[in-house]
C-alpha atoms as a PDB file:
ATOM      1  CA  MET A   1     130.763 138.402 170.488  1.00  0.00           C
ATOM      2  CA  LYS A   2     132.853 139.838 173.104  1.00  0.00           C
ATOM      3  CA  ASP A   3     132.709 143.723 173.917  1.00  0.00           C
ATOM      4  CA  ASN A   4     136.288 144.395 174.295  1.00  0.00           C
ATOM      5  CA  THR A   5     135.735 147.504 176.143  1.00  0.00           C
ATOM      6  CA  THR A   6     137.844 147.788 179.554  1.00  0.00           C
ATOM      7  CA  THR A   7     135.989 149.523 182.716  1.00  0.00           C
ATOM      8  CA  LEU A   8     138.204 151.172 185.000  1.00  0.00           C
ATOM      9  CA  ARG A   9     137.873 150.816 188.060  1.00  0.00           C
ATOM     10  CA  THR A  10     139.388 152.789 191.367  1.00  0.00           C
ATOM     11  CA  CYS A  11     141.093 151.251 194.309  1.00  0.00           C
ATOM     12  CA  PRO A  12     139.897 151.818 197.493  1.00  0.00           C
ATOM     13  CA  LEU A  13     143.180 151.386 199.231  1.00  0.00           C
ATOM     14  CA  CYS A  14     145.766 152.790 197.120  1.00  0.00           C
ATOM     15  CA  GLY A  15     143.030 155.247 194.815  1.00  0.00           C
ATOM     16  CA  ALA A  16     144.987 153.438 191.554  1.00  0.00           C
ATOM     17  CA  GLN A  17     142.847 153.070 188.219  1.00  0.00           C
ATOM     18  CA  TYR A  18     143.051 149.994 187.206  1.00  0.00           C
ATOM     19  CA  GLY A  19     141.280 147.904 184.260  1.00  0.00           C
ATOM     20  CA  ASP A  20     142.375 144.045 185.291  1.00  0.00           C
ATOM     21  CA  VAL A  21     140.363 141.745 187.050  1.00  0.00           C
ATOM     22  CA  PRO A  22     140.316 142.945 190.535  1.00  0.00           C
ATOM     23  CA  ALA A  23     141.299 141.305 193.845  1.00  0.00           C
ATOM     24  CA  LEU A  24     139.285 140.621 196.534  1.00  0.00           C
ATOM     25  CA  SER A  25     140.409 141.680 199.939  1.00  0.00           C
ATOM     26  CA  ARG A  26     141.983 139.802 202.727  1.00  0.00           C
ATOM     27  CA  LYS A  27     141.252 142.522 205.068  1.00  0.00           C
ATOM     28  CA  TYR A  28     138.133 144.433 204.141  1.00  0.00           C
ATOM     29  CA  PRO A  29     135.150 141.530 203.411  1.00  0.00           C
ATOM     30  CA  ASN A  30     133.506 141.889 199.536  1.00  0.00           C
ATOM     31  CA  THR A  31     136.048 144.562 198.815  1.00  0.00           C
ATOM     32  CA  HIS A  32     137.740 144.530 195.192  1.00  0.00           C
ATOM     33  CA  ILE A  33     140.972 146.163 195.259  1.00  0.00           C
ATOM     34  CA  CYS A  34     143.635 146.628 192.419  1.00  0.00           C
ATOM     35  CA  PRO A  35     145.787 143.223 191.286  1.00  0.00           C
ATOM     36  CA  GLU A  36     148.985 145.280 193.160  1.00  0.00           C
ATOM     37  CA  CYS A  37     147.077 145.507 196.437  1.00  0.00           C
ATOM     38  CA  GLY A  38     146.099 142.195 196.084  1.00  0.00           C
ATOM     39  CA  ILE A  39     149.352 141.000 196.125  1.00  0.00           C
ATOM     40  CA  ARG A  40     150.632 142.949 198.822  1.00  0.00           C
ATOM     41  CA  GLU A  41     148.003 141.836 201.060  1.00  0.00           C
ATOM     42  CA  ALA A  42     149.171 138.312 200.143  1.00  0.00           C
ATOM     43  CA  LEU A  43     152.254 138.841 200.875  1.00  0.00           C
ATOM     44  CA  GLU A  44     151.619 140.914 203.808  1.00  0.00           C
ATOM     45  CA  SER A  45     149.677 137.860 205.089  1.00  0.00           C
ATOM     46  CA  ILE A  46     152.345 135.181 204.885  1.00  0.00           C
ATOM     47  CA  GLY A  47     154.635 137.814 206.735  1.00  0.00           C
ATOM     48  CA  VAL A  48     156.977 139.012 203.809  1.00  0.00           C
ATOM     49  CA  PRO A  49     158.581 142.470 204.786  1.00  0.00           C
ATOM     50  CA  ALA A  50     157.590 145.848 203.168  1.00  0.00           C
ATOM     51  CA  ASP A  51     160.990 145.963 201.781  1.00  0.00           C
ATOM     52  CA  GLU A  52     160.756 142.863 199.779  1.00  0.00           C
ATOM     53  CA  GLN A  53     157.155 143.387 198.606  1.00  0.00           C
ATOM     54  CA  GLU A  54     158.432 146.209 196.710  1.00  0.00           C
ATOM     55  CA  LYS A  55     161.487 144.274 194.839  1.00  0.00           C
ATOM     56  CA  ILE A  56     158.803 141.431 194.267  1.00  0.00           C
ATOM     57  CA  ILE A  57     156.123 144.081 192.696  1.00  0.00           C
ATOM     58  CA  GLU A  58     158.831 145.826 190.575  1.00  0.00           C
ATOM     59  CA  THR A  59     159.933 142.536 189.384  1.00  0.00           C
ATOM     60  CA  ILE A  60     156.332 141.596 188.249  1.00  0.00           C
ATOM     61  CA  HIS A  61     155.954 145.120 186.472  1.00  0.00           C
ATOM     62  CA  LYS A  62     159.330 144.168 184.562  1.00  0.00           C
ATOM     63  CA  SER A  63     157.975 140.711 183.335  1.00  0.00           C
ATOM     64  CA  LYS A  64     154.659 142.324 182.480  1.00  0.00           C
ATOM     65  CA  GLY A  65     156.801 145.081 179.993  1.00  0.00           C
END
């Protein structure tokens, strides 16, 4: 039987608590980060400017809720 408890983690980059599956940092080897920081690192790695990153993340949050 599956245990439905959620383990909260704290992101070492932004300090946010999250219960989703962690992302693996592209910048810091073997470091698990929150999904939002994972998205930011991925977008940054392909050259998306910070203001566009915010718009993308805002759209993701809207689609979840």
